[in-house]
Protein backbone atom coordinates (compact mmCIF):
# COMPACT_ATOMS: atom_id res chain seq x y z
CA MET A 1 0.00 0.00 0.00
CA THR A 2 1.42 3.41 -0.98
CA GLU A 3 1.86 6.17 1.57
CA ARG A 4 -0.84 8.24 -0.11
CA ALA A 5 -3.34 5.36 -0.04
CA GLN A 6 -2.51 4.66 3.58
CA HIS A 7 -3.05 8.31 4.45
CA ARG A 8 -6.41 8.27 2.64
CA GLN A 9 -7.48 5.14 4.51
CA THR A 10 -6.43 6.65 7.86
CA SER A 11 -8.34 9.84 7.08
CA LYS A 12 -11.43 7.84 6.16
CA MET A 13 -11.24 5.82 9.40
CA ARG A 14 -10.84 9.04 11.40
CA LYS A 15 -13.98 10.48 9.81
CA ILE A 16 -15.93 7.29 10.55
CA LEU A 17 -14.85 7.37 14.21
CA ARG A 18 -15.79 11.05 14.49
CA GLY A 19 -19.18 10.32 12.96
CA ALA A 20 -19.73 7.47 15.43
CA ALA A 21 -18.81 9.79 18.32
CA VAL A 22 -21.30 12.41 17.05
CA ILE A 23 -24.06 9.77 16.98
CA ILE A 24 -23.19 8.56 20.49
CA GLY A 25 -23.22 12.14 21.79
CA ALA A 26 -26.64 12.73 20.23
CA PHE A 27 -28.09 9.57 21.81
CA ILE A 28 -26.70 10.52 25.23
CA THR A 29 -28.38 13.93 24.88
CA ALA A 30 -31.65 12.30 23.81
CA TYR A 31 -31.55 10.05 26.86
CA GLY A 32 -31.02 13.02 29.19
CA LEU A 33 -34.00 14.78 27.65
CA GLU A 34 -36.41 11.84 27.58
CA ALA A 35 -35.40 10.06 30.80
CA ILE A 36 -34.83 13.06 33.07
CA LEU A 37 -35.75 16.55 31.92
CA ILE A 38 -38.97 16.33 29.91
CA PRO A 39 -40.84 13.95 32.30
CA ASN A 40 -40.14 16.45 35.10
CA ASN A 41 -41.38 19.47 33.11
CA VAL A 42 -37.85 20.80 32.57
CA SER A 43 -36.67 21.89 29.14
CA ASP A 44 -33.40 22.59 27.38
CA GLY A 45 -32.31 25.86 25.79
CA GLY A 46 -31.97 26.78 22.14
CA VAL A 47 -33.82 25.16 19.27
CA THR A 48 -34.27 21.97 21.29
CA GLY A 49 -36.11 23.94 23.98
CA LEU A 50 -38.43 25.51 21.39
CA SER A 51 -39.00 22.05 19.90
CA ILE A 52 -39.97 20.66 23.32
CA VAL A 53 -42.48 23.49 23.80
CA GLY A 54 -43.88 22.96 20.30
CA SER A 55 -44.24 19.23 20.91
CA GLN A 56 -46.05 19.79 24.21
CA LEU A 57 -48.47 22.30 22.65
CA THR A 58 -49.23 20.55 19.36
CA GLY A 59 -48.54 16.87 20.00
CA ILE A 60 -46.12 16.75 17.06
CA PRO A 61 -43.27 14.31 17.80
CA LEU A 62 -40.25 16.04 19.35
CA GLY A 63 -37.81 14.41 16.95
CA PHE A 64 -39.67 15.77 13.92
CA LEU A 65 -39.63 19.33 15.29
CA ILE A 66 -35.92 19.14 16.18
CA ALA A 67 -35.12 18.10 12.62
CA ILE A 68 -37.37 20.71 10.94
CA LEU A 69 -36.50 23.72 13.13
CA ASN A 70 -32.76 23.12 12.79
CA ILE A 71 -32.74 23.12 8.97
CA PRO A 72 -32.14 26.90 8.59
CA PHE A 73 -29.31 26.73 11.14
CA ILE A 74 -27.63 23.84 9.33
CA PHE A 75 -27.60 25.99 6.19
CA LEU A 76 -26.21 28.85 8.28
CA GLY A 77 -23.50 26.57 9.66
CA TYR A 78 -22.56 25.50 6.15
CA LYS A 79 -22.18 29.14 5.07
CA GLN A 80 -20.35 30.35 8.16
CA VAL A 81 -18.22 27.38 9.24
CA GLY A 82 -17.94 24.95 6.35
CA GLN A 83 -19.13 21.75 4.73
CA SER A 84 -17.56 19.34 7.21
CA PHE A 85 -19.20 21.07 10.19
CA ALA A 86 -22.56 21.10 8.41
CA MET A 87 -22.35 17.39 7.56
CA TYR A 88 -21.46 16.34 11.10
CA SER A 89 -24.22 18.62 12.43
CA ILE A 90 -26.76 17.00 10.09
CA LEU A 91 -25.65 13.61 11.40
CA GLY A 92 -25.88 14.79 15.01
CA ILE A 93 -29.27 16.50 14.69
CA ALA A 94 -30.73 13.54 12.77
CA SER A 95 -29.42 11.19 15.48
CA LEU A 96 -30.88 13.41 18.21
CA ALA A 97 -34.24 13.49 16.42
CA PHE A 98 -34.25 9.70 16.04
CA GLY A 99 -32.98 9.20 19.60
CA THR A 100 -35.78 11.26 21.18
CA SER A 101 -38.36 9.28 19.19
CA PHE A 102 -36.74 5.95 20.04
CA MET A 103 -36.42 6.79 23.76
CA ARG A 104 -39.79 8.42 24.16
CA HIS A 105 -41.07 5.69 26.49
CA VAL A 106 -37.88 4.90 28.43
CA PRO A 107 -38.41 4.77 32.22
CA THR A 108 -37.78 8.02 34.07
CA ILE A 109 -34.74 7.50 36.28
CA ILE A 110 -35.37 10.56 38.51
CA GLN A 111 -38.80 11.79 39.49
CA GLY A 112 -39.80 14.83 41.50
CA ASP A 113 -36.44 15.80 43.06
CA THR A 114 -35.77 19.17 41.39
CA LEU A 115 -32.14 19.34 42.49
CA LEU A 116 -31.26 15.92 41.07
CA VAL A 117 -33.29 16.58 37.92
CA THR A 118 -31.50 19.81 37.05
CA VAL A 119 -28.01 18.62 38.05
CA PHE A 120 -28.04 15.16 36.50
CA GLY A 121 -30.12 16.24 33.51
CA GLY A 122 -27.72 19.13 32.82
CA ILE A 123 -24.67 16.88 33.21
CA ILE A 124 -25.99 14.19 30.84
CA ILE A 125 -27.13 16.50 28.04
CA GLY A 126 -24.00 18.64 28.46
CA PHE A 127 -21.79 15.57 28.15
CA GLY A 128 -23.63 14.43 25.03
CA MET A 129 -23.45 17.87 23.39
CA GLY A 130 -19.81 18.23 24.37
CA VAL A 131 -18.89 14.91 22.75
CA THR A 132 -20.63 16.02 19.55
CA LEU A 133 -18.95 19.45 19.51
CA ARG A 134 -15.54 17.94 20.25
CA ASN A 135 -15.92 15.78 17.14
CA GLY A 136 -16.87 18.59 14.78
CA GLY A 137 -20.68 18.73 14.89
CA ALA A 138 -23.50 20.48 16.73
CA LEU A 139 -26.91 19.48 18.07
CA ASP A 140 -28.47 22.93 18.30
CA GLY A 141 -28.49 25.84 15.86
CA ILE A 142 -28.89 28.79 18.22
CA ASP A 143 -25.11 29.19 18.68
CA MET A 144 -24.68 29.53 14.91
CA LEU A 145 -27.31 32.28 14.87
CA ALA A 146 -25.53 34.11 17.69
CA VAL A 147 -22.22 34.01 15.77
CA LEU A 148 -23.88 35.53 12.69
CA LEU A 149 -25.71 38.25 14.65
CA ALA A 150 -22.50 39.18 16.52
CA ARG A 151 -20.97 40.19 13.17
CA LYS A 152 -23.79 42.59 12.46
CA LEU A 153 -24.69 43.90 15.94
CA PRO A 154 -22.57 45.66 18.61
CA PHE A 155 -22.81 42.69 21.01
CA GLY A 156 -20.58 39.73 21.82
CA THR A 157 -21.49 36.16 20.88
CA SER A 158 -21.92 35.07 24.51
CA ASP A 159 -24.24 38.04 25.19
CA LEU A 160 -26.40 37.12 22.20
CA ILE A 161 -26.54 33.43 23.20
CA LEU A 162 -27.74 34.52 26.65
CA PHE A 163 -30.32 36.91 25.15
CA LEU A 164 -31.66 34.31 22.69
CA ASN A 165 -31.97 31.73 25.44
CA LEU A 166 -33.80 34.19 27.69
CA PHE A 167 -36.38 34.37 24.92
CA VAL A 168 -36.47 30.56 24.74
CA PHE A 169 -37.02 30.21 28.50
CA ALA A 170 -39.74 32.86 28.37
CA VAL A 171 -41.49 30.64 25.80
CA VAL A 172 -40.83 27.59 28.00
CA SER A 173 -42.60 29.31 30.91
CA THR A 174 -45.86 29.37 28.93
CA VAL A 175 -45.92 25.55 28.98
CA PHE A 176 -43.94 24.48 32.05
CA GLY A 177 -44.63 27.57 34.19
CA LEU A 178 -42.13 29.91 35.84
CA LYS A 179 -40.74 27.11 38.00
CA GLY A 180 -40.15 24.92 34.97
CA ALA A 181 -38.48 27.78 33.09
CA PHE A 182 -36.26 28.57 36.09
CA LEU A 183 -35.21 24.91 36.45
CA SER A 184 -34.62 24.75 32.69
CA GLY A 185 -32.27 27.72 32.95
CA ILE A 186 -30.30 26.02 35.74
CA ALA A 187 -30.06 22.77 33.77
CA TYR A 188 -28.90 24.71 30.70
CA TYR A 189 -26.24 26.51 32.73
CA ILE A 190 -24.91 23.23 34.13
CA ALA A 191 -24.96 21.71 30.64
CA SER A 192 -22.93 24.64 29.25
CA LYS A 193 -20.23 24.12 31.89
CA VAL A 194 -20.06 20.38 31.16
CA ILE A 195 -19.84 21.10 27.40
CA PHE A 196 -16.85 23.38 28.04
CA THR A 197 -15.15 20.71 30.18
CA VAL A 198 -15.68 17.97 27.59
CA GLU A 199 -14.44 20.19 24.75
CA GLU A 200 -11.38 21.42 26.64
CA GLY A 201 -10.53 18.09 28.27
CA LEU A 202 -10.23 17.45 31.99
CA SER A 203 -6.54 18.30 32.19
CA GLY A 204 -6.16 21.30 29.88
CA SER A 205 -2.99 23.35 29.52
CA LYS A 206 -1.68 26.78 30.42
CA THR A 207 0.89 29.10 28.86
CA TYR A 208 3.18 30.99 31.22
CA LYS A 209 4.94 34.15 30.01
CA ILE A 210 7.59 35.24 32.49
CA LEU A 211 9.78 38.36 32.64
CA THR A 212 12.57 37.93 35.16
CA THR A 213 16.06 39.20 35.86
CA LYS A 214 17.19 35.56 36.13
CA PRO A 215 15.92 33.97 32.89
CA GLU A 216 18.63 31.28 32.63
CA VAL A 217 18.15 30.13 36.22
CA MET A 218 14.35 30.14 35.77
CA VAL A 219 14.47 28.02 32.61
CA GLU A 220 16.95 25.57 34.15
CA THR A 221 14.83 25.15 37.29
CA ILE A 222 11.65 24.60 35.27
CA ARG A 223 13.44 21.98 33.19
CA ASP A 224 14.93 20.20 36.21
CA ARG A 225 11.81 20.14 38.39
CA LEU A 226 8.99 19.99 35.84
CA GLY A 227 10.74 18.44 32.87
CA ARG A 228 9.38 21.24 30.67
CA SER A 229 11.31 23.09 28.00
CA ALA A 230 10.84 26.81 27.41
CA THR A 231 11.54 29.37 24.71
CA TYR A 232 12.97 32.88 24.80
CA ASN A 233 11.61 35.99 23.10
CA LEU A 234 13.63 39.20 23.15
CA VAL A 235 11.37 42.05 24.28
CA GLU A 236 12.02 45.71 25.02
CA GLY A 237 10.51 47.73 27.84
CA GLY A 238 8.29 50.52 26.56
CA TYR A 239 9.41 52.95 29.28
CA SER A 240 12.98 51.91 30.11
CA ASN A 241 13.92 50.66 26.61
CA GLU A 242 15.73 47.86 28.42
CA GLU A 243 15.89 44.46 26.70
CA PHE A 244 14.59 41.36 28.46
CA LYS A 245 14.39 37.66 27.72
CA GLU A 246 10.71 36.76 27.93
CA ILE A 247 10.22 33.09 28.87
CA THR A 248 7.32 31.13 27.36
CA CYS A 249 6.46 27.71 28.79
CA ILE A 250 3.38 25.47 28.35
CA ILE A 251 2.37 23.17 31.21
CA ASN A 252 -0.71 21.10 32.07
CA ARG A 253 -3.06 22.19 34.85
CA LEU A 254 -1.74 19.58 37.26
CA GLU A 255 1.63 21.36 37.21
CA ASP A 256 0.20 24.84 37.81
CA SER A 257 0.82 25.08 41.57
CA LYS A 258 4.37 23.72 41.19
CA MET A 259 5.11 26.27 38.46
CA LYS A 260 4.02 29.12 40.73
CA GLU A 261 6.19 27.73 43.50
CA ILE A 262 9.25 27.63 41.20
CA ILE A 263 8.71 31.21 40.01
CA SER A 264 8.34 32.46 43.58
CA GLU A 265 11.53 30.68 44.67
CA VAL A 266 13.70 31.88 41.76
CA ASP A 267 12.45 35.47 41.48
CA THR A 268 9.78 36.86 43.79
CA TYR A 269 9.49 40.00 41.66
CA ALA A 270 9.08 38.25 38.30
CA PHE A 271 6.29 39.53 36.05
CA VAL A 272 4.01 36.61 35.08
CA ALA A 273 1.09 36.37 32.65
CA VAL A 274 -0.91 33.12 32.41
CA TYR A 275 -3.20 32.05 29.54
CA ASP A 276 -5.52 29.07 29.16
CA VAL A 277 -4.67 26.84 26.19
CA ALA A 278 -7.44 24.91 24.45
CA GLU A 279 -5.24 22.26 22.85
CA VAL A 280 -1.57 21.31 22.53
CA LYS A 281 -0.22 19.06 19.77
CA GLY A 282 3.17 18.05 18.49
CA GLY A 283 6.65 18.38 19.90
CA ASN A 284 7.44 16.51 23.10
CA PHE A 285 4.55 17.85 25.17
CA LYS A 286 3.63 14.93 27.41
CA LYS A 287 2.61 14.39 31.00
CA ARG A 288 5.69 14.72 33.20
CA ASP A 289 6.52 13.71 36.75
CA VAL A 290 6.39 16.68 39.12
CA HIS A 291 9.09 16.80 41.77
């Protein structure tokens, strides 16, 4: 087998695995909706929330409404993000629609306890949505709408997502009442946090940028005690015009407290800026022993 053919086969297998993960994420979300939230008069946000309200008012199957109402947003995703994202989103939304229909009569695993309903319901649907997003798809179109509106209005994407979901929960209150809408908002908030965790990964990484009068000692200590390499950038002070060696080092979150300890020991007066890193690939970035 030639290298090109092998690469093509590997790429095809990767796409199949991503598609399978999108389907699994959609079914997990469907289970959270049908086995926890909906039987307890709690909804989700976004297009799914509107679909739940529409299903309760008209008797139309939830899966059908999820599929129909998301069509304009799939087209929007294709225009704004690309073909691959649109295809995985179609797969995810179709799987969610089928999953809610298939699981419509599954036994309710939690009944009546509002705290457990909102917490576990939010965790399950958030995990399912996070798995789908991590693999290149989406289960709800309201985020795509917020991205488009943010380009045309003087508001941030997160502000628009919040505003659009306030409208959704206002609609939810007409069916599930104010209590149901309030619980739906809590479940949605929990789900959004779980989605972020699943997308980012449980460990995550951080970038440290350090300005110190002892750059060589700092880099050597970081290498000896964390096993991490670092890079230098020559920077110039805007006021003093003095040149410094700015140290850049990427670590995982488990090493964060040790990194702060090292910086404090080497140079108490070092200037430090820390950034969250969504993903690190390549090089020799691996989990190291901390000592």
